[in-house]
Amino acid sequence: MGKPLRVGILDLVARAPTRALYPRVMNPSLASVMPQAVAVWCEENGHDVTFVCYTGFEDLLAELPAQTDLLFIGAFTQAAQLAYAISSMFRQRGAVTVLGGPHARCYPDDARKYFDYVLGFTDKTTIAEVLKDCAPHRPLGVHLNALRQPSHLPGVRERWKFIAPTLAKCPTRIKIVPMIGSLGCPYTCSFCIDSVVDYQPMSCDQIREDLRFLVKTVPRPYVGWHDPNFGVRFDDFLTAIEDAVRPGIVSFGAESTLSLLSEPNLKRLRAAGFKAMLPGIESWFSLGNKAKTGRKQGLDKVEQVSEHVNLILEHIPYVQTNFVLGLDDDSGSEPFELTKRFLDRTPGAFPAYSLLSAFGEAAPLNLELQRAGRVLPFPFHFLNNNQAMNVRPKHYKWPDFYDRLIDLSKYSFSWKTIARRARGTQPGFATWVNAVRAISSEGFGRIRYHTAIRRLLDTDRSVRAFFEGETSELPAFYVERMKRDLGPLWAFLPPGALVHDPQAYLAKQRGETVALSARRAGKVARAVSKLAHG
């Protein structure tokens, strides 16, 4: 082997600096498993690794290693512009850059313009290939994609040297260790990136080993399962947990479906130490298989789901219910009013609202939406499921949709509802987290943001024209937000990196070019530059 490389690995949990309370508490616990696994594989190949998890509270420029031969960045789409700017800065210093994570899977062709390597499914062999080559690939990077998700990932013991410094950033006793027991999902929700990935359980022996290591290393540890849908092989996973640790020694949280959360399973989860569950409800008019409601819709589904979630709350202290707003099955006031009725009937559940978003190549539904011309070119920076809905709704005008969204949000996070939620949960951790989320960026903060967008739809013609698809030129509101968030890294953002082709996935399927034309890219870049510096 040649001289060891100086490898930097950056996990972008945040897309920008923040001082909000909830991210301060939780962001260190939202670190991803895969960047840590890549760090382990790089060290196993004999290279020197510097690992950084950016939570929004660090001085990012100070944290990043100055002397780097190869920089890996893991990013969700909301951090894409930040990742592009960092890649540009490091390339100017002579480093080779690599992008992995959800954005690399959703928008590989756009990312290739700004990285030397873009990784889809990634395993140890893929990383070894990058380390061996480690060469600039420009103007378009190399897209590497393993045949499937890895069958094995480094366990907690192997990743601990990268986990521990990140958890040390958390200001509270609750520091959540990331673990994963499966990849892919057996359900076929058309908007989900995991719906097209075969379900694949990881080794139960690895789960046992990880938990035994944790209880020897951390007093009363917390574990967050990163499975897209925890508990598909319920007996296997729970048996592994029960074999490894005594009940109550470890606290767990997981995202699952109502169909898996029967009362016998809930009793077993409670006994094993599960403190938080995040079931997906998504819609009152579809996806009944996930909610175990069959063909029930509307108020009938609300009543059944509410009864089920209240049952969960009898066994699990903290429950977050996930909804997607703006689905094509929705029309009029009914979906929003039904969600209010659900909150009335299930006061202890914390509602998490996502706006329908089409993330590039993430899901089959995106092809249909692009074919219909409904996908808008919102900058990646705002594609975090709540600051932009990049799909024009089928049955709503934009002002009407935002009026209903704001009304539902105010109802969900009014002081009256916050108080009812506190009374509906077990005293302690759940009550505290629900209150912090409601008064911080996820509750009050989103109400303020949605209200600002609603006002702009009436007062700023450029915003309304952009939402309606009449123009692709970015309104000044969005440019100024990105400029503020990126701070000194704004200067490193490559030309054209604020825009992308919302039809790229469809164009690729047709065998056409996936890049914006040079003329259009130049026009938009000039307009953005004028807004940013004028």
Protein backbone atom coordinates (compact mmCIF):
# COMPACT_ATOMS: atom_id res chain seq x y z
CA MET A 1 0.00 0.00 0.00
CA GLY A 2 1.16 3.55 -0.73
CA LYS A 3 1.41 6.50 1.64
CA PRO A 4 -1.61 6.82 3.96
CA LEU A 5 -4.12 9.41 2.83
CA ARG A 6 -5.31 12.24 5.05
CA VAL A 7 -9.05 11.56 4.97
CA GLY A 8 -11.69 13.95 6.24
CA ILE A 9 -15.25 12.75 6.87
CA LEU A 10 -18.03 15.29 7.41
CA ASP A 11 -21.54 14.32 8.54
CA LEU A 12 -23.85 17.28 7.84
CA VAL A 13 -26.65 16.93 10.37
CA ALA A 14 -27.42 20.65 9.98
CA ARG A 15 -27.52 22.79 6.84
CA ALA A 16 -26.68 26.08 8.56
CA PRO A 17 -25.81 27.65 11.91
CA THR A 18 -28.67 27.67 14.39
CA ARG A 19 -29.33 28.75 17.96
CA ALA A 20 -32.76 27.16 18.32
CA LEU A 21 -33.35 25.18 21.49
CA TYR A 22 -34.58 21.88 20.07
CA PRO A 23 -31.68 21.44 17.58
CA ARG A 24 -29.29 22.32 20.41
CA VAL A 25 -30.64 19.41 22.41
CA MET A 26 -31.25 16.87 19.64
CA ASN A 27 -28.92 17.46 16.69
CA PRO A 28 -25.93 15.63 18.22
CA SER A 29 -28.21 12.61 18.57
CA LEU A 30 -29.19 12.73 14.89
CA ALA A 31 -25.78 11.71 13.55
CA SER A 32 -25.90 9.16 10.72
CA VAL A 33 -24.55 5.63 10.84
CA MET A 34 -23.03 5.58 7.35
CA PRO A 35 -20.39 8.34 7.72
CA GLN A 36 -19.17 6.56 10.85
CA ALA A 37 -19.02 3.27 8.92
CA VAL A 38 -17.01 4.96 6.14
CA ALA A 39 -14.59 6.27 8.76
CA VAL A 40 -14.04 2.74 10.06
CA TRP A 41 -13.48 1.36 6.56
CA CYS A 42 -10.97 4.11 5.75
CA GLU A 43 -8.98 3.34 8.88
CA GLU A 44 -9.10 -0.38 8.09
CA ASN A 45 -7.49 0.50 4.76
CA GLY A 46 -4.61 2.17 6.61
CA HIS A 47 -5.53 5.84 6.23
CA ASP A 48 -5.55 8.73 8.74
CA VAL A 49 -9.11 9.87 9.47
CA THR A 50 -10.49 13.13 10.87
CA PHE A 51 -14.22 12.88 11.61
CA VAL A 52 -16.52 15.91 12.01
CA CYS A 53 -20.25 15.91 12.73
CA TYR A 54 -21.73 19.36 12.06
CA THR A 55 -24.79 20.03 14.24
CA GLY A 56 -25.20 23.74 13.49
CA PHE A 57 -23.43 24.98 16.63
CA GLU A 58 -19.79 24.51 15.65
CA ASP A 59 -17.52 26.87 13.76
CA LEU A 60 -17.52 24.69 10.67
CA LEU A 61 -14.52 26.33 9.01
CA ALA A 62 -12.49 25.81 12.18
CA GLU A 63 -13.63 22.19 12.61
CA LEU A 64 -12.74 21.06 9.09
CA PRO A 65 -9.22 19.66 8.67
CA ALA A 66 -7.01 22.06 6.71
CA GLN A 67 -4.70 19.36 5.33
CA THR A 68 -6.86 16.83 3.51
CA ASP A 69 -6.23 14.56 0.55
CA LEU A 70 -9.74 13.10 0.37
CA LEU A 71 -12.94 14.53 1.83
CA PHE A 72 -16.11 12.48 2.26
CA ILE A 73 -19.34 14.40 2.90
CA GLY A 74 -22.61 12.76 3.96
CA ALA A 75 -25.63 15.00 3.34
CA PHE A 76 -29.38 15.10 3.10
CA THR A 77 -30.71 17.26 0.29
CA GLN A 78 -31.32 20.25 2.58
CA ALA A 79 -27.52 20.46 3.10
CA ALA A 80 -26.65 20.08 -0.59
CA GLN A 81 -25.71 23.72 -1.21
CA LEU A 82 -23.55 23.69 1.93
CA ALA A 83 -21.91 20.47 0.73
CA TYR A 84 -21.32 21.93 -2.74
CA ALA A 85 -19.61 25.01 -1.27
CA ILE A 86 -17.39 22.92 1.03
CA SER A 87 -16.44 20.64 -1.86
CA SER A 88 -15.51 23.68 -3.96
CA MET A 89 -13.34 25.08 -1.18
CA PHE A 90 -11.49 21.79 -0.66
CA ARG A 91 -11.02 21.22 -4.39
CA GLN A 92 -9.38 24.64 -4.60
CA ARG A 93 -6.97 23.40 -1.92
CA GLY A 94 -6.13 20.34 -4.00
CA ALA A 95 -8.32 17.76 -2.24
CA VAL A 96 -10.48 15.11 -3.92
CA THR A 97 -14.09 15.15 -2.74
CA VAL A 98 -16.78 12.48 -2.36
CA LEU A 99 -20.52 12.85 -1.69
CA GLY A 100 -22.65 10.15 -0.11
CA GLY A 101 -25.98 9.99 1.70
CA PRO A 102 -29.57 10.69 0.62
CA HIS A 103 -28.73 13.64 -1.66
CA ALA A 104 -26.21 11.58 -3.62
CA ARG A 105 -28.89 8.91 -4.15
CA CYS A 106 -31.61 11.39 -5.10
CA TYR A 107 -29.65 13.79 -7.32
CA PRO A 108 -26.52 11.95 -8.51
CA ASP A 109 -26.16 13.77 -11.81
CA ASP A 110 -26.41 17.22 -10.29
CA ALA A 111 -23.90 16.26 -7.58
CA ARG A 112 -21.40 14.95 -10.16
CA LYS A 113 -20.85 18.53 -11.29
CA TYR A 114 -19.41 19.45 -7.89
CA PHE A 115 -17.77 16.25 -6.57
CA ASP A 116 -15.13 13.87 -7.90
CA TYR A 117 -17.13 10.85 -6.70
CA VAL A 118 -20.85 10.48 -6.00
CA LEU A 119 -21.91 7.33 -4.16
CA GLY A 120 -25.24 5.53 -4.35
CA PHE A 121 -25.50 2.22 -2.50
CA THR A 122 -22.17 2.03 -0.70
CA ASP A 123 -20.30 -0.89 0.83
CA LYS A 124 -16.76 -1.54 1.98
CA THR A 125 -15.66 -2.47 -1.56
CA THR A 126 -16.98 0.83 -2.92
CA ILE A 127 -14.97 2.80 -0.37
CA ALA A 128 -11.85 0.76 -1.12
CA GLU A 129 -12.27 1.60 -4.81
CA VAL A 130 -12.43 5.34 -4.07
CA LEU A 131 -9.40 5.15 -1.76
CA LYS A 132 -7.38 3.29 -4.36
CA ASP A 133 -8.21 5.68 -7.20
CA CYS A 134 -8.38 8.97 -5.24
CA ALA A 135 -8.09 11.14 -8.33
CA PRO A 136 -9.84 14.30 -9.54
CA HIS A 137 -12.67 13.60 -11.98
CA ARG A 138 -13.76 16.84 -13.61
CA PRO A 139 -15.90 18.39 -15.02
CA LEU A 140 -18.12 15.42 -14.08
CA GLY A 141 -17.44 13.15 -11.15
CA VAL A 142 -17.69 9.37 -11.16
CA HIS A 143 -20.98 7.84 -10.01
CA LEU A 144 -20.37 4.61 -8.08
CA ASN A 145 -23.24 2.38 -7.05
CA ALA A 146 -22.98 -1.02 -5.37
CA LEU A 147 -25.45 -3.66 -6.55
CA ARG A 148 -27.30 -3.51 -3.23
CA GLN A 149 -27.12 -2.11 0.27
CA PRO A 150 -24.30 -3.60 2.39
CA SER A 151 -25.07 -6.83 4.21
CA HIS A 152 -22.90 -5.76 7.16
CA LEU A 153 -21.96 -2.44 8.75
CA PRO A 154 -19.39 -1.76 11.46
CA GLY A 155 -20.95 -2.12 14.88
CA VAL A 156 -21.07 0.32 17.78
CA ARG A 157 -17.75 -0.88 19.23
CA GLU A 158 -15.97 -0.24 15.91
CA ARG A 159 -17.69 3.14 15.45
CA TRP A 160 -17.37 4.29 19.05
CA LYS A 161 -14.37 6.59 18.56
CA PHE A 162 -16.53 8.55 16.10
CA ILE A 163 -19.78 8.29 18.08
CA ALA A 164 -18.45 9.50 21.44
CA PRO A 165 -17.16 12.97 20.40
CA THR A 166 -20.46 13.72 18.69
CA LEU A 167 -22.54 12.70 21.72
CA ALA A 168 -20.30 14.85 23.93
CA LYS A 169 -21.78 17.89 22.16
CA CYS A 170 -25.22 17.17 23.60
CA PRO A 171 -25.97 19.42 26.61
CA THR A 172 -28.36 16.97 28.30
CA ARG A 173 -28.08 13.52 29.80
CA ILE A 174 -30.06 12.08 26.88
CA LYS A 175 -27.44 11.18 24.26
CA ILE A 176 -28.80 8.82 21.61
CA VAL A 177 -26.49 6.22 20.06
CA PRO A 178 -27.31 5.40 16.41
CA MET A 179 -27.92 1.72 15.63
CA ILE A 180 -29.50 -0.04 12.66
CA GLY A 181 -31.06 -3.48 12.39
CA SER A 182 -32.37 -3.44 8.83
CA LEU A 183 -32.25 -1.66 5.49
CA GLY A 184 -35.06 -1.10 3.00
CA CYS A 185 -38.75 -1.48 3.65
CA PRO A 186 -41.47 -3.99 2.69
CA TYR A 187 -44.05 -1.24 2.15
CA THR A 188 -44.50 0.56 -1.16
CA CYS A 189 -45.38 4.18 -0.28
CA SER A 190 -44.95 5.92 -3.61
CA PHE A 191 -43.27 9.01 -2.12
CA CYS A 192 -40.63 7.17 -0.05
CA ILE A 193 -36.98 6.53 -0.99
CA ASP A 194 -36.99 3.17 0.80
CA SER A 195 -40.05 1.84 -1.03
CA VAL A 196 -37.87 0.63 -3.91
CA VAL A 197 -35.17 -0.92 -1.68
CA ASP A 198 -35.53 -4.59 -0.81
CA TYR A 199 -36.01 -5.19 2.90
CA GLN A 200 -32.82 -6.62 4.37
CA PRO A 201 -32.31 -7.47 8.07
CA MET A 202 -28.86 -7.12 9.57
CA SER A 203 -27.27 -9.70 11.85
CA CYS A 204 -28.97 -10.23 15.20
CA ASP A 205 -25.59 -11.30 16.58
CA GLN A 206 -24.33 -7.79 15.78
CA ILE A 207 -27.27 -6.30 17.70
CA ARG A 208 -26.40 -8.41 20.73
CA GLU A 209 -22.73 -7.45 20.55
CA ASP A 210 -23.52 -3.74 20.18
CA LEU A 211 -25.87 -3.66 23.16
CA ARG A 212 -23.49 -5.60 25.40
CA PHE A 213 -20.73 -3.15 24.51
CA LEU A 214 -22.96 -0.16 25.22
CA VAL A 215 -24.04 -1.22 28.70
CA LYS A 216 -20.39 -1.67 29.64
CA THR A 217 -19.42 1.73 28.20
CA VAL A 218 -22.31 4.12 28.93
CA PRO A 219 -24.46 4.35 32.06
CA ARG A 220 -28.09 3.75 31.10
CA PRO A 221 -27.63 4.34 27.36
CA TYR A 222 -30.21 5.53 24.84
CA VAL A 223 -30.40 3.92 21.39
CA GLY A 224 -32.08 5.35 18.32
CA TRP A 225 -32.87 2.72 15.68
CA HIS A 226 -32.25 4.12 12.18
CA ASP A 227 -34.24 1.40 10.43
CA PRO A 228 -36.72 2.79 7.88
CA ASN A 229 -39.27 0.53 9.55
CA PHE A 230 -38.21 -1.10 12.80
CA GLY A 231 -39.61 -4.46 13.82
CA VAL A 232 -40.57 -6.07 10.51
CA ARG A 233 -38.96 -9.23 11.90
CA PHE A 234 -40.28 -8.44 15.32
CA ASP A 235 -39.57 -11.68 17.17
CA ASP A 236 -36.01 -11.91 15.88
CA PHE A 237 -35.12 -8.35 16.86
CA LEU A 238 -36.82 -8.36 20.26
CA THR A 239 -35.29 -11.72 21.13
CA ALA A 240 -31.84 -10.33 20.30
CA ILE A 241 -32.46 -7.31 22.53
CA GLU A 242 -33.84 -9.43 25.36
CA ASP A 243 -30.88 -11.82 25.14
CA ALA A 244 -28.32 -9.02 25.24
CA VAL A 245 -29.43 -6.77 28.12
CA ARG A 246 -31.58 -6.85 31.20
CA PRO A 247 -34.95 -5.07 30.83
CA GLY A 248 -34.82 -1.35 31.46
CA ILE A 249 -31.03 -0.99 31.22
CA VAL A 250 -31.20 0.55 27.72
CA SER A 251 -33.84 2.98 26.47
CA PHE A 252 -34.88 2.70 22.82
CA GLY A 253 -36.66 4.79 20.20
CA ALA A 254 -37.69 3.67 16.72
CA GLU A 255 -39.78 4.49 13.67
CA SER A 256 -42.33 1.81 12.91
CA THR A 257 -45.78 1.26 11.46
CA LEU A 258 -49.06 0.91 13.28
CA SER A 259 -49.49 -2.50 11.65
CA LEU A 260 -46.57 -3.81 13.74
CA LEU A 261 -47.65 -2.21 17.01
CA SER A 262 -50.24 -4.66 18.27
CA GLU A 263 -50.88 -4.78 22.02
CA PRO A 264 -48.81 -7.97 22.57
CA ASN A 265 -45.92 -6.34 20.70
CA LEU A 266 -46.33 -3.12 22.67
CA LYS A 267 -46.12 -4.99 25.97
CA ARG A 268 -42.93 -6.63 24.80
CA LEU A 269 -41.48 -3.32 23.61
CA ARG A 270 -42.27 -1.65 26.92
CA ALA A 271 -40.63 -4.47 28.84
CA ALA A 272 -37.54 -4.24 26.64
CA GLY A 273 -37.14 -0.51 27.39
CA PHE A 274 -38.71 1.25 24.40
CA LYS A 275 -39.52 4.85 25.33
CA ALA A 276 -40.34 6.44 21.95
CA MET A 277 -42.16 5.26 18.81
CA LEU A 278 -42.69 7.19 15.59
CA PRO A 279 -45.48 5.54 13.58
CA GLY A 280 -46.41 6.78 10.13
CA ILE A 281 -50.06 7.68 9.54
CA GLU A 282 -49.31 9.77 6.42
CA SER A 283 -52.88 10.15 5.06
CA TRP A 284 -56.52 9.79 6.08
CA PHE A 285 -57.44 8.59 2.58
CA SER A 286 -54.74 6.08 1.58
CA LEU A 287 -51.91 3.83 2.85
CA GLY A 288 -54.26 1.79 5.03
CA ASN A 289 -51.84 -1.16 5.01
CA LYS A 290 -49.30 0.81 7.06
CA ALA A 291 -51.92 2.01 9.53
CA LYS A 292 -53.64 -1.40 9.70
CA THR A 293 -56.93 0.27 8.78
CA GLY A 294 -57.62 -1.56 5.53
CA ARG A 295 -60.03 0.38 3.32
CA LYS A 296 -61.21 2.72 6.03
CA GLN A 297 -60.96 6.39 5.14
CA GLY A 298 -61.81 9.76 6.58
CA LEU A 299 -63.39 9.92 10.04
CA ASP A 300 -63.58 6.12 10.28
CA LYS A 301 -59.82 5.94 9.88
CA VAL A 302 -59.30 8.78 12.36
CA GLU A 303 -61.31 6.93 15.00
CA GLN A 304 -59.45 3.66 14.53
CA VAL A 305 -55.99 5.24 14.37
CA SER A 306 -56.71 7.43 17.40
CA GLU A 307 -57.76 4.41 19.42
CA HIS A 308 -54.60 2.60 18.35
CA VAL A 309 -52.27 5.52 19.16
CA ASN A 310 -53.87 5.96 22.58
CA LEU A 311 -53.16 2.27 23.17
CA ILE A 312 -49.52 2.86 22.23
CA LEU A 313 -49.35 5.76 24.70
CA GLU A 314 -50.44 3.42 27.48
CA HIS A 315 -47.24 1.45 26.91
CA ILE A 316 -44.76 3.88 25.30
CA PRO A 317 -44.22 7.34 26.89
CA TYR A 318 -43.36 9.25 23.73
CA VAL A 319 -45.25 8.95 20.43
CA GLN A 320 -44.72 11.04 17.31
CA THR A 321 -47.27 10.59 14.55
CA ASN A 322 -46.07 11.37 11.02
CA PHE A 323 -48.29 12.99 8.38
CA VAL A 324 -47.72 14.02 4.75
CA LEU A 325 -49.71 17.09 3.69
CA GLY A 326 -50.63 17.86 0.09
CA LEU A 327 -51.02 14.32 -1.22
CA ASP A 328 -53.12 13.92 -4.34
CA ASP A 329 -55.83 12.14 -2.36
CA ASP A 330 -56.39 15.33 -0.34
CA SER A 331 -58.80 18.09 -1.25
CA GLY A 332 -60.66 20.85 0.54
CA SER A 333 -60.66 21.32 4.29
CA GLU A 334 -61.39 17.71 5.23
CA PRO A 335 -57.81 16.34 5.56
CA PHE A 336 -56.83 19.26 7.82
CA GLU A 337 -60.02 19.13 9.91
CA LEU A 338 -59.64 15.36 10.33
CA THR A 339 -56.13 15.88 11.65
CA LYS A 340 -57.52 18.35 14.21
CA ARG A 341 -60.06 15.74 15.28
CA PHE A 342 -57.23 13.24 15.65
CA LEU A 343 -55.36 15.69 17.90
CA ASP A 344 -58.49 16.17 20.00
CA ARG A 345 -58.92 12.43 20.41
CA THR A 346 -55.20 11.70 20.89
CA PRO A 347 -53.79 14.63 22.88
CA GLY A 348 -50.62 12.81 23.96
CA ALA A 349 -49.23 12.33 20.42
CA PHE A 350 -46.85 14.87 18.89
CA PRO A 351 -47.79 15.55 15.24
CA ALA A 352 -44.97 15.81 12.69
CA TYR A 353 -46.07 17.34 9.39
CA SER A 354 -44.17 16.89 6.14
CA LEU A 355 -45.07 18.72 2.93
CA LEU A 356 -45.22 16.50 -0.13
CA SER A 357 -41.78 16.70 -1.76
CA ALA A 358 -40.27 14.98 -4.79
CA PHE A 359 -36.59 14.30 -4.12
CA GLY A 360 -35.11 13.67 -7.56
CA GLU A 361 -34.73 9.95 -8.20
CA ALA A 362 -35.92 8.91 -4.75
CA ALA A 363 -39.25 7.31 -5.65
CA PRO A 364 -41.31 6.15 -8.67
CA LEU A 365 -43.97 8.79 -7.95
CA ASN A 366 -41.44 11.47 -8.87
CA LEU A 367 -41.48 10.38 -12.51
CA GLU A 368 -45.24 10.85 -12.67
CA LEU A 369 -44.97 14.27 -11.05
CA GLN A 370 -42.21 15.37 -13.43
CA ARG A 371 -44.17 14.02 -16.39
CA ALA A 372 -47.11 16.16 -15.29
CA GLY A 373 -44.87 19.23 -14.97
CA ARG A 374 -45.67 19.62 -11.29
CA VAL A 375 -42.14 19.61 -9.80
CA LEU A 376 -40.74 23.07 -9.06
CA PRO A 377 -37.03 24.02 -9.02
CA PHE A 378 -36.83 25.03 -5.36
CA PRO A 379 -33.20 25.22 -4.23
CA PHE A 380 -32.08 22.09 -2.39
CA HIS A 381 -31.46 24.22 0.71
CA PHE A 382 -35.22 24.41 1.33
CA LEU A 383 -36.08 20.77 0.59
CA ASN A 384 -36.35 19.55 4.17
CA ASN A 385 -40.02 18.52 4.02
CA ASN A 386 -41.28 21.72 5.63
CA GLN A 387 -39.68 24.89 4.23
CA ALA A 388 -40.70 24.21 0.64
CA MET A 389 -43.21 21.97 -1.08
CA ASN A 390 -41.68 21.45 -4.51
CA VAL A 391 -44.78 19.74 -5.91
CA ARG A 392 -47.69 21.89 -7.06
CA PRO A 393 -50.72 20.46 -5.22
CA LYS A 394 -53.33 18.80 -7.36
CA HIS A 395 -56.43 20.10 -5.61
CA TYR A 396 -55.33 23.34 -3.96
CA LYS A 397 -54.32 26.83 -5.00
CA TRP A 398 -51.18 27.89 -3.16
CA PRO A 399 -52.81 30.57 -0.95
CA ASP A 400 -55.56 28.13 0.03
CA PHE A 401 -53.06 25.39 0.86
CA TYR A 402 -50.95 27.69 3.03
CA ASP A 403 -54.02 29.08 4.79
CA ARG A 404 -55.01 25.55 5.77
CA LEU A 405 -51.43 24.59 6.70
CA ILE A 406 -51.04 27.61 8.97
CA ASP A 407 -54.44 27.05 10.56
CA LEU A 408 -53.58 23.40 11.32
CA SER A 409 -50.15 24.36 12.66
CA LYS A 410 -51.59 27.00 14.97
CA TYR A 411 -54.15 24.51 16.23
CA SER A 412 -51.47 21.86 16.77
CA PHE A 413 -49.13 24.17 18.69
CA SER A 414 -51.49 26.52 20.51
CA TRP A 415 -50.88 26.88 24.24
CA LYS A 416 -54.15 25.05 24.84
CA THR A 417 -53.04 22.07 22.73
CA ILE A 418 -49.56 22.11 24.28
CA ALA A 419 -51.16 21.90 27.73
CA ARG A 420 -53.47 19.07 26.66
CA ARG A 421 -50.47 17.23 25.18
CA ALA A 422 -48.62 17.55 28.47
CA ARG A 423 -51.60 16.12 30.36
CA GLY A 424 -51.89 13.31 27.81
CA THR A 425 -48.34 12.02 28.25
CA GLN A 426 -46.52 10.39 31.11
CA PRO A 427 -44.70 13.02 33.22
CA GLY A 428 -40.99 13.38 32.53
CA PHE A 429 -39.03 13.01 29.31
CA ALA A 430 -42.02 12.95 26.93
CA THR A 431 -43.68 16.04 28.40
CA TRP A 432 -40.42 18.00 28.29
CA VAL A 433 -39.53 17.07 24.70
CA ASN A 434 -43.03 17.80 23.41
CA ALA A 435 -43.00 21.26 24.99
CA VAL A 436 -39.53 22.13 23.67
CA ARG A 437 -40.42 21.01 20.14
CA ALA A 438 -43.66 23.00 20.17
CA ILE A 439 -42.17 26.32 21.30
CA SER A 440 -38.93 25.98 19.32
CA SER A 441 -38.20 25.63 15.61
CA GLU A 442 -40.65 22.79 14.92
CA GLY A 443 -43.77 24.47 16.27
CA PHE A 444 -43.71 28.25 16.67
CA GLY A 445 -40.78 28.54 14.24
CA ARG A 446 -42.59 26.82 11.40
CA ILE A 447 -45.74 28.84 12.00
CA ARG A 448 -43.70 32.02 11.59
CA TYR A 449 -42.04 30.70 8.44
CA HIS A 450 -45.26 29.47 6.79
CA THR A 451 -46.92 32.79 7.64
CA ALA A 452 -44.06 34.67 5.95
CA ILE A 453 -44.45 32.54 2.80
CA ARG A 454 -48.21 33.10 2.78
CA ARG A 455 -47.71 36.86 2.98
CA LEU A 456 -45.19 36.79 0.11
CA LEU A 457 -47.65 34.91 -2.08
CA ASP A 458 -49.84 38.02 -1.91
CA THR A 459 -47.21 40.76 -1.84
CA ASP A 460 -44.26 39.53 -3.93
CA ARG A 461 -45.06 38.77 -7.55
CA SER A 462 -41.75 36.95 -8.06
CA VAL A 463 -42.64 34.46 -5.30
CA ARG A 464 -46.11 33.76 -6.66
CA ALA A 465 -44.78 33.34 -10.23
CA PHE A 466 -42.12 30.91 -9.00
CA PHE A 467 -44.70 28.85 -7.07
CA GLU A 468 -46.99 28.74 -10.08
CA GLY A 469 -44.19 27.53 -12.36
CA GLU A 470 -44.36 30.65 -14.52
CA THR A 471 -40.64 31.34 -14.03
CA SER A 472 -37.58 29.44 -12.83
CA GLU A 473 -35.80 32.55 -11.57
CA LEU A 474 -35.30 32.42 -7.81
CA PRO A 475 -37.09 35.07 -5.76
CA ALA A 476 -34.83 37.33 -3.69
CA PHE A 477 -36.37 35.93 -0.49
CA TYR A 478 -34.78 32.52 -1.07
CA VAL A 479 -31.46 33.87 -2.32
CA GLU A 480 -31.04 36.07 0.75
CA ARG A 481 -31.89 33.17 3.08
CA MET A 482 -29.23 30.98 1.50
CA LYS A 483 -26.67 33.75 1.53
CA ARG A 484 -27.29 34.32 5.23
CA ASP A 485 -27.20 30.62 6.11
CA LEU A 486 -24.04 29.82 4.16
CA GLY A 487 -22.19 32.83 5.55
CA PRO A 488 -18.52 32.86 4.49
CA LEU A 489 -19.01 29.66 2.48
CA TRP A 490 -21.33 31.53 0.11
CA ALA A 491 -18.24 32.80 -1.69
CA PHE A 492 -17.21 29.21 -2.50
CA LEU A 493 -20.53 28.17 -4.02
CA PRO A 494 -19.78 27.20 -7.65
CA PRO A 495 -21.55 29.00 -10.50
CA GLY A 496 -24.90 27.37 -11.21
CA ALA A 497 -24.96 25.46 -7.90
CA LEU A 498 -28.10 27.20 -6.66
CA VAL A 499 -30.22 25.75 -9.45
CA HIS A 500 -30.98 22.26 -10.66
CA ASP A 501 -33.10 20.66 -13.37
CA PRO A 502 -36.38 19.51 -11.78
CA GLN A 503 -36.98 17.28 -14.83
CA ALA A 504 -33.61 15.49 -14.63
CA TYR A 505 -34.99 12.11 -13.52
CA LEU A 506 -37.52 12.05 -16.35
CA ALA A 507 -34.89 13.19 -18.85
CA LYS A 508 -32.59 10.38 -17.75
CA GLN A 509 -35.36 7.82 -18.23
CA ARG A 510 -35.83 9.14 -21.77
CA GLY A 511 -32.10 9.00 -22.45
CA GLU A 512 -31.86 12.76 -22.72
CA THR A 513 -29.31 15.09 -21.16
CA VAL A 514 -29.81 15.55 -17.43
CA ALA A 515 -28.07 18.89 -17.05
CA LEU A 516 -29.57 22.31 -17.44
CA SER A 517 -28.58 23.95 -20.70
CA ALA A 518 -25.59 26.26 -20.42
CA ARG A 519 -27.77 29.14 -21.52
CA ARG A 520 -30.39 28.60 -18.84
CA ALA A 521 -27.83 27.92 -16.11
CA GLY A 522 -25.93 31.08 -17.04
CA LYS A 523 -29.10 33.17 -17.07
CA VAL A 524 -30.20 31.97 -13.63
CA ALA A 525 -26.69 32.29 -12.19
CA ARG A 526 -26.47 35.90 -13.40
CA ALA A 527 -29.86 36.70 -11.90
CA VAL A 528 -28.87 35.14 -8.58
CA SER A 529 -25.57 37.04 -8.57
CA LYS A 530 -27.39 40.30 -9.18
CA LEU A 531 -29.78 39.61 -6.30
CA ALA A 532 -26.99 38.53 -3.96
CA HIS A 533 -24.62 41.40 -4.63
CA GLY A 534 -26.90 44.15 -5.82
